[in-house]
Protein backbone atom coordinates (compact mmCIF):
# COMPACT_ATOMS: atom_id res chain seq x y z
CA MET A 1 -0.88 2.52 3.36
CA GLY A 2 -4.01 4.52 4.05
CA PHE A 3 -4.59 7.02 6.82
CA TYR A 4 -7.83 7.48 8.75
CA ILE A 5 -9.23 10.05 11.15
CA ASN A 6 -8.72 8.77 14.68
CA PRO A 7 -9.17 11.71 17.07
CA THR A 8 -6.85 11.86 20.04
CA ASP A 9 -9.35 13.88 22.10
CA GLY A 10 -11.64 10.89 22.73
CA ASN A 11 -14.46 12.15 20.50
CA SER A 12 -15.87 10.26 17.54
CA LYS A 13 -14.56 10.85 14.03
CA GLU A 14 -18.00 12.21 13.10
CA TYR A 15 -17.88 14.79 15.88
CA TRP A 16 -14.29 15.70 14.97
CA LEU A 17 -15.29 16.25 11.34
CA GLN A 18 -18.27 18.40 12.36
CA GLN A 19 -15.98 20.60 14.45
CA LYS A 20 -12.87 20.77 12.23
CA ALA A 21 -13.86 20.13 8.62
CA LYS A 22 -15.95 21.63 5.86
CA MET A 23 -18.54 19.28 4.35
CA VAL A 24 -18.53 19.38 0.53
CA SER A 25 -20.22 17.59 -2.33
CA GLU A 26 -18.69 14.72 -4.27
CA GLY A 27 -18.67 17.03 -7.29
CA GLU A 28 -16.43 19.47 -5.43
CA ILE A 29 -14.13 16.59 -4.51
CA LYS A 30 -13.94 15.43 -8.14
CA ASP A 31 -12.70 18.95 -8.99
CA PHE A 32 -10.12 18.95 -6.16
CA THR A 33 -6.51 19.38 -7.24
CA PHE A 34 -3.46 18.57 -5.17
CA SER A 35 -1.11 21.53 -5.29
CA LYS A 36 2.02 22.38 -3.35
CA ASN A 37 1.06 26.05 -3.29
CA GLU A 38 -2.54 25.81 -2.09
CA PRO A 39 -3.56 26.05 1.54
CA LYS A 40 -2.79 22.70 3.02
CA ILE A 41 -6.15 20.98 2.90
CA LEU A 42 -7.01 17.42 2.00
CA PRO A 43 -10.20 15.55 1.13
CA VAL A 44 -11.61 13.11 3.67
CA CYS A 45 -14.22 10.49 2.85
CA LEU A 46 -16.49 9.30 5.66
CA LEU A 47 -17.61 5.81 4.65
CA ASP A 48 -20.49 3.92 6.22
CA ASN A 49 -19.43 0.27 6.48
CA ILE A 50 -22.70 -0.73 8.26
CA LEU A 51 -20.91 -2.07 11.36
CA PHE A 52 -18.64 0.96 11.66
CA THR A 53 -17.65 4.15 9.89
CA ALA A 54 -14.22 5.06 8.58
CA ALA A 55 -12.93 8.50 7.66
CA GLY A 56 -10.22 7.98 5.06
CA ILE A 57 -7.80 10.75 4.21
CA ALA A 58 -7.12 11.21 0.50
CA TYR A 59 -3.54 12.44 0.77
CA ASP A 60 -2.72 11.94 -2.90
CA GLU A 61 -4.40 11.42 -6.28
CA ARG A 62 -4.28 7.61 -6.04
CA GLU A 63 -6.00 7.57 -2.64
CA LEU A 64 -8.63 10.04 -3.83
CA ASN A 65 -9.43 7.90 -6.88
CA CYS A 66 -9.83 4.84 -4.65
CA PHE A 67 -12.35 6.66 -2.45
CA LEU A 68 -14.25 7.99 -5.48
CA VAL A 69 -15.06 4.46 -6.72
CA ASP A 70 -18.80 3.79 -6.36
CA ASN A 71 -18.96 0.67 -4.19
CA GLY A 72 -22.49 1.13 -2.90
CA ARG A 73 -21.45 2.42 0.52
CA PRO A 74 -22.86 5.77 1.62
CA LYS A 75 -20.19 8.48 1.67
CA GLU A 76 -19.83 12.00 2.98
CA TRP A 77 -17.02 14.26 1.80
CA TYR A 78 -15.04 16.84 3.77
CA LEU A 79 -12.07 19.15 3.34
CA VAL A 80 -9.70 19.16 6.30
CA ASN A 81 -6.72 21.32 7.20
CA ILE A 82 -3.53 19.24 7.45
CA GLU A 83 -2.57 21.12 10.62
CA ASP A 84 -5.77 19.94 12.32
CA LEU A 85 -5.06 16.36 11.26
CA LEU A 86 -1.61 16.55 12.81
CA ASN A 87 -2.82 18.31 15.97
CA ASP A 88 -5.55 15.91 17.03
CA GLY A 89 -7.08 14.09 14.06
CA LEU A 90 -4.62 11.22 13.74
CA ALA A 91 -3.54 8.61 16.23
CA ASN A 92 -0.13 9.57 17.65
CA GLU A 93 1.54 6.54 16.08
CA ASP A 94 0.32 7.62 12.61
CA LYS A 95 1.50 11.24 12.66
CA GLU A 96 5.13 10.69 11.62
CA LEU A 97 4.14 8.19 8.91
CA PHE A 98 1.58 10.70 7.61
CA LYS A 99 4.20 13.47 7.48
CA GLU A 100 6.57 11.16 5.58
CA ALA A 101 3.82 10.27 3.08
CA LEU A 102 3.09 13.95 2.49
CA ASN A 103 6.78 14.74 2.02
CA ARG A 104 7.13 12.03 -0.61
CA ILE A 105 4.40 13.56 -2.76
CA ASN A 106 5.31 17.24 -2.27
C-alpha cells in the first residue's frame, strides 16, 4: 500500500510541500539511503498526472524504486520530516497505517 501527502490543514499538497519540505534533485534522491540512525526524513515524489497531482511518500527502498521509474510524467522530488507527515501531512485515517509500515521496516 502506498502513502500520499494529504494535508489535514485544508491546503494543497503543493503548498504543504513548499512550507514543510526541502526540494531536491532526482540525483540526490538516487543517492538517498534509508537508515535507522539518520534524522527521520523520507523522499516524496510529486507526480503530475495531467488531471491531478499526487505526492507519493517513498517510505522504503521498494517504494522509492517504483517512483524512480521513468514513466514520462513530470516529477519533483522533496525530502520531508516524518514528524511533519504525522502532524499534518497525512489524512488522519492513514497515520496509524503509516506508523505500522515504518515499524515493519525499522
